[in-house]
């Protein structure tokens, strides 16, 4: 007669009812295992879902790869865009020029990152143009697009004018750099607070004026 290991013997003893009905120990054991597995599956599913959602929001806001040059300025972005676009697997390329600014309206101030972009290319690397909740994604003619939480914090909306100061406005010693007065053309909402409160978009020309960059961009 084959002898069973003690663990299997104990399991069969409690799983096999002594009478015609299932014992309470068997029911409790099965329920415990079932509930434990179900809870584990639910938790793993929720965590996987959160991971995919946040990853999608982050990658949908920024380009997957940034190309920069030594010295901080890409002098010929058109050439870089043309060469990069020819690489197999590249779905979109866009230039950008960004930095911290100080936005003031009345007595309210905030310091978001202002990103200068080319609207012709931006939609190929970012979902922001498709995430507008008010106005349009228009950055030409001294216009600015702001995040929804930034708009709420400054109590501004489409059509309002805001004053934007660059860091150069405070460090220049030999000249006075005037701030830019921009008109809010649109409000976006991507569902991630860090982006909705911490970013605004304008044209490359306006960004170059604010950051004192005569030619080129920060990255492609």
Foldseek 3Di string as FASTA:
>chain_A
DDDDPPVVVVVCVQQDDPDPDRDPSNVVVVVVVVVVVVVVVVVVVVVVVVVVLVVCLVQQAFAPDKDFDPPQFDFCVVVVQVVVVPDPPQQADWFKAKDWKWKDDDHAIDIAIEIATDVVGVVRRHCQQVFFPDAHPDAPDQAKEAAPVQCVRRVHAAFDKIWIAAPCCPPDDPDHQGTGIGGYRTYGYSPDVCRRNHYMYHHPVNSCSRVVPPGGHRID
